[in-house]
Amino acid sequence: MNRLVVEQTLQSPKIDFDPDTGILELKGKSIPDRTVDFYSPVMNWIVEYVKNPASTTTCNFVLEYYNSRTKKYLIEMMKAVNKLTDQGKELIVNWYYEEGDEDVQETGQMFKDLLRMDINIIEIPDGEEFKN
């Protein structure tokens, strides 16, 4: 399976999904004009990855802004990777938000409650950047 890398634009996040390391990362803004066109290949990649995943998968969601259509895909992504736990694989989901950004923080908590998943909600201190 090939690594999926999509460069960040003003409207879409950087996507870096590495099947060898099991690190799946979305970073930036997600307000693509054509949400379905943007996220369909991403979802297809995840479906294939879940068939033959790494022993540990770490999902890092580092989104500073996203629209409601993106939220739908984020939920679908989390549902898909959550199947890894049924396979006995380790799954770590990290939801990052910038210090003081209550909207992004609350969305992470909403996903955690809605999906009944173990999601780490992690604050990035003001002035610092995400480092994986």
C-alpha atoms as a PDB file:
ATOM      1  CA  MET A   1       0.000   0.000   0.000  1.00  0.00           C
ATOM      2  CA  ASN A   2       1.308   3.427  -0.931  1.00  0.00           C
ATOM      3  CA  ARG A   3       1.677   6.394   1.359  1.00  0.00           C
ATOM      4  CA  LEU A   4      -0.981   9.059   0.838  1.00  0.00           C
ATOM      5  CA  VAL A   5       0.392  12.591   0.804  1.00  0.00           C
ATOM      6  CA  VAL A   6      -1.668  15.628  -0.146  1.00  0.00           C
ATOM      7  CA  GLU A   7      -0.045  19.028   0.194  1.00  0.00           C
ATOM      8  CA  GLN A   8      -1.819  21.700   2.200  1.00  0.00           C
ATOM      9  CA  THR A   9      -3.558  24.574   0.413  1.00  0.00           C
ATOM     10  CA  LEU A  10      -5.436  27.594   1.702  1.00  0.00           C
ATOM     11  CA  GLN A  11      -8.620  25.492   1.676  1.00  0.00           C
ATOM     12  CA  SER A  12      -7.486  21.947   2.321  1.00  0.00           C
ATOM     13  CA  PRO A  13      -5.349  20.270   4.972  1.00  0.00           C
ATOM     14  CA  LYS A  14      -2.063  18.502   4.559  1.00  0.00           C
ATOM     15  CA  ILE A  15      -2.675  14.787   4.597  1.00  0.00           C
ATOM     16  CA  ASP A  16       0.145  12.400   5.339  1.00  0.00           C
ATOM     17  CA  PHE A  17      -0.951   8.795   5.855  1.00  0.00           C
ATOM     18  CA  ASP A  18       1.963   6.397   6.149  1.00  0.00           C
ATOM     19  CA  PRO A  19       0.957   2.714   6.156  1.00  0.00           C
ATOM     20  CA  ASP A  20       4.448   1.608   7.207  1.00  0.00           C
ATOM     21  CA  THR A  21       4.596   3.687  10.398  1.00  0.00           C
ATOM     22  CA  GLY A  22       0.853   3.661  11.019  1.00  0.00           C
ATOM     23  CA  ILE A  23       0.823   7.463  11.425  1.00  0.00           C
ATOM     24  CA  LEU A  24      -2.163   9.157   9.815  1.00  0.00           C
ATOM     25  CA  GLU A  25      -2.111  12.934  10.021  1.00  0.00           C
ATOM     26  CA  LEU A  26      -4.373  15.778   8.901  1.00  0.00           C
ATOM     27  CA  LYS A  27      -3.120  19.293   9.514  1.00  0.00           C
ATOM     28  CA  GLY A  28      -4.382  22.759   8.596  1.00  0.00           C
ATOM     29  CA  LYS A  29      -7.696  24.154   7.394  1.00  0.00           C
ATOM     30  CA  SER A  30     -10.398  22.057   5.787  1.00  0.00           C
ATOM     31  CA  ILE A  31     -12.880  24.078   3.763  1.00  0.00           C
ATOM     32  CA  PRO A  32     -12.510  22.503   0.319  1.00  0.00           C
ATOM     33  CA  ASP A  33     -14.929  23.664  -2.377  1.00  0.00           C
ATOM     34  CA  ARG A  34     -15.649  20.095  -3.362  1.00  0.00           C
ATOM     35  CA  THR A  35     -15.564  18.198  -0.087  1.00  0.00           C
ATOM     36  CA  VAL A  36     -16.722  14.908  -1.612  1.00  0.00           C
ATOM     37  CA  ASP A  37     -14.047  15.035  -4.318  1.00  0.00           C
ATOM     38  CA  PHE A  38     -11.369  15.865  -1.767  1.00  0.00           C
ATOM     39  CA  TYR A  39     -12.257  13.289   0.898  1.00  0.00           C
ATOM     40  CA  SER A  40     -13.416  10.330  -1.233  1.00  0.00           C
ATOM     41  CA  PRO A  41      -9.847   9.183  -2.044  1.00  0.00           C
ATOM     42  CA  VAL A  42      -8.902   9.704   1.606  1.00  0.00           C
ATOM     43  CA  MET A  43     -11.768   7.499   2.759  1.00  0.00           C
ATOM     44  CA  ASN A  44     -10.906   4.867   0.152  1.00  0.00           C
ATOM     45  CA  TRP A  45      -7.304   4.832   1.404  1.00  0.00           C
ATOM     46  CA  ILE A  46      -8.460   4.356   5.009  1.00  0.00           C
ATOM     47  CA  VAL A  47     -10.797   1.494   4.055  1.00  0.00           C
ATOM     48  CA  GLU A  48      -7.892  -0.288   2.358  1.00  0.00           C
ATOM     49  CA  TYR A  49      -5.510   0.467   5.232  1.00  0.00           C
ATOM     50  CA  VAL A  50      -7.860  -1.062   7.805  1.00  0.00           C
ATOM     51  CA  LYS A  51      -7.648  -4.354   5.888  1.00  0.00           C
ATOM     52  CA  ASN A  52      -3.901  -4.591   6.539  1.00  0.00           C
ATOM     53  CA  PRO A  53      -2.875  -2.045   9.192  1.00  0.00           C
ATOM     54  CA  ALA A  54       0.278  -1.495  11.186  1.00  0.00           C
ATOM     55  CA  SER A  55       0.249  -2.999  14.683  1.00  0.00           C
ATOM     56  CA  THR A  56      -0.225   0.510  16.102  1.00  0.00           C
ATOM     57  CA  THR A  57      -2.055   3.289  14.313  1.00  0.00           C
ATOM     58  CA  THR A  58      -1.773   6.884  15.471  1.00  0.00           C
ATOM     59  CA  CYS A  59      -4.205   9.432  14.052  1.00  0.00           C
ATOM     60  CA  ASN A  60      -3.247  13.063  14.543  1.00  0.00           C
ATOM     61  CA  PHE A  61      -5.958  15.591  13.787  1.00  0.00           C
ATOM     62  CA  VAL A  62      -4.454  19.079  13.871  1.00  0.00           C
ATOM     63  CA  LEU A  63      -7.155  21.192  12.284  1.00  0.00           C
ATOM     64  CA  GLU A  64      -7.340  24.886  12.987  1.00  0.00           C
ATOM     65  CA  TYR A  65     -10.587  25.359  11.081  1.00  0.00           C
ATOM     66  CA  TYR A  66     -13.024  23.100   9.241  1.00  0.00           C
ATOM     67  CA  ASN A  67     -16.526  23.367   7.847  1.00  0.00           C
ATOM     68  CA  SER A  68     -19.549  21.237   8.694  1.00  0.00           C
ATOM     69  CA  ARG A  69     -19.067  19.067   5.601  1.00  0.00           C
ATOM     70  CA  THR A  70     -15.573  18.220   6.799  1.00  0.00           C
ATOM     71  CA  LYS A  71     -16.940  17.186  10.212  1.00  0.00           C
ATOM     72  CA  LYS A  72     -18.976  14.485   8.462  1.00  0.00           C
ATOM     73  CA  TYR A  73     -15.810  13.029   6.943  1.00  0.00           C
ATOM     74  CA  LEU A  74     -13.889  13.306  10.202  1.00  0.00           C
ATOM     75  CA  ILE A  75     -16.589  11.228  11.869  1.00  0.00           C
ATOM     76  CA  GLU A  76     -16.458   8.664   9.062  1.00  0.00           C
ATOM     77  CA  MET A  77     -12.658   8.481   9.298  1.00  0.00           C
ATOM     78  CA  MET A  78     -12.795   7.903  13.035  1.00  0.00           C
ATOM     79  CA  LYS A  79     -15.470   5.232  12.665  1.00  0.00           C
ATOM     80  CA  ALA A  80     -13.350   3.465  10.057  1.00  0.00           C
ATOM     81  CA  VAL A  81     -10.125   3.457  12.089  1.00  0.00           C
ATOM     82  CA  ASN A  82     -11.999   2.481  15.242  1.00  0.00           C
ATOM     83  CA  LYS A  83     -12.534  -0.929  13.603  1.00  0.00           C
ATOM     84  CA  LEU A  84      -8.830  -1.552  14.231  1.00  0.00           C
ATOM     85  CA  THR A  85      -9.537  -2.149  17.903  1.00  0.00           C
ATOM     86  CA  ASP A  86     -11.881  -4.990  16.918  1.00  0.00           C
ATOM     87  CA  GLN A  87      -8.876  -6.562  15.169  1.00  0.00           C
ATOM     88  CA  GLY A  88      -6.776  -6.352  18.331  1.00  0.00           C
ATOM     89  CA  LYS A  89      -4.665  -3.508  16.966  1.00  0.00           C
ATOM     90  CA  GLU A  90      -3.606  -0.517  19.032  1.00  0.00           C
ATOM     91  CA  LEU A  91      -5.288   2.754  18.048  1.00  0.00           C
ATOM     92  CA  ILE A  92      -4.250   6.174  19.310  1.00  0.00           C
ATOM     93  CA  VAL A  93      -6.369   9.147  18.263  1.00  0.00           C
ATOM     94  CA  ASN A  94      -5.056  12.612  19.071  1.00  0.00           C
ATOM     95  CA  TRP A  95      -7.247  15.680  18.581  1.00  0.00           C
ATOM     96  CA  TYR A  96      -5.165  18.848  18.845  1.00  0.00           C
ATOM     97  CA  TYR A  97      -6.439  22.356  19.418  1.00  0.00           C
ATOM     98  CA  GLU A  98      -4.737  25.686  19.908  1.00  0.00           C
ATOM     99  CA  GLU A  99      -4.826  27.165  23.385  1.00  0.00           C
ATOM    100  CA  GLY A 100      -8.044  29.127  23.826  1.00  0.00           C
ATOM    101  CA  ASP A 101      -9.800  27.625  20.795  1.00  0.00           C
ATOM    102  CA  GLU A 102     -12.850  26.310  22.587  1.00  0.00           C
ATOM    103  CA  ASP A 103     -14.712  25.447  19.367  1.00  0.00           C
ATOM    104  CA  VAL A 104     -12.076  22.973  18.199  1.00  0.00           C
ATOM    105  CA  GLN A 105     -11.656  21.620  21.730  1.00  0.00           C
ATOM    106  CA  GLU A 106     -15.423  21.083  22.075  1.00  0.00           C
ATOM    107  CA  THR A 107     -15.601  19.362  18.695  1.00  0.00           C
ATOM    108  CA  GLY A 108     -12.978  16.866  19.860  1.00  0.00           C
ATOM    109  CA  GLN A 109     -14.998  16.208  23.001  1.00  0.00           C
ATOM    110  CA  MET A 110     -18.168  15.850  20.929  1.00  0.00           C
ATOM    111  CA  PHE A 111     -16.468  13.253  18.702  1.00  0.00           C
ATOM    112  CA  LYS A 112     -15.219  11.409  21.780  1.00  0.00           C
ATOM    113  CA  ASP A 113     -18.726  11.290  23.293  1.00  0.00           C
ATOM    114  CA  LEU A 114     -20.580  10.617  20.040  1.00  0.00           C
ATOM    115  CA  LEU A 115     -18.316   7.812  18.856  1.00  0.00           C
ATOM    116  CA  ARG A 116     -17.523   6.447  22.330  1.00  0.00           C
ATOM    117  CA  MET A 117     -13.860   6.420  21.398  1.00  0.00           C
ATOM    118  CA  ASP A 118     -10.753   7.034  23.425  1.00  0.00           C
ATOM    119  CA  ILE A 119      -9.640  10.345  21.910  1.00  0.00           C
ATOM    120  CA  ASN A 120      -6.804  12.329  23.452  1.00  0.00           C
ATOM    121  CA  ILE A 121      -7.737  16.004  23.394  1.00  0.00           C
ATOM    122  CA  ILE A 122      -4.455  17.887  23.478  1.00  0.00           C
ATOM    123  CA  GLU A 123      -3.889  21.602  23.826  1.00  0.00           C
ATOM    124  CA  ILE A 124      -1.116  23.217  21.809  1.00  0.00           C
ATOM    125  CA  PRO A 125       0.194  26.107  23.941  1.00  0.00           C
ATOM    126  CA  ASP A 126      -0.117  29.569  22.434  1.00  0.00           C
ATOM    127  CA  GLY A 127       2.798  30.346  20.172  1.00  0.00           C
ATOM    128  CA  GLU A 128       3.854  26.709  19.721  1.00  0.00           C
ATOM    129  CA  GLU A 129       3.327  24.451  16.742  1.00  0.00           C
ATOM    130  CA  PHE A 130       2.340  20.811  16.536  1.00  0.00           C
ATOM    131  CA  LYS A 131       5.295  18.450  16.554  1.00  0.00           C
ATOM    132  CA  ASN A 132       4.897  14.727  16.000  1.00  0.00           C
END
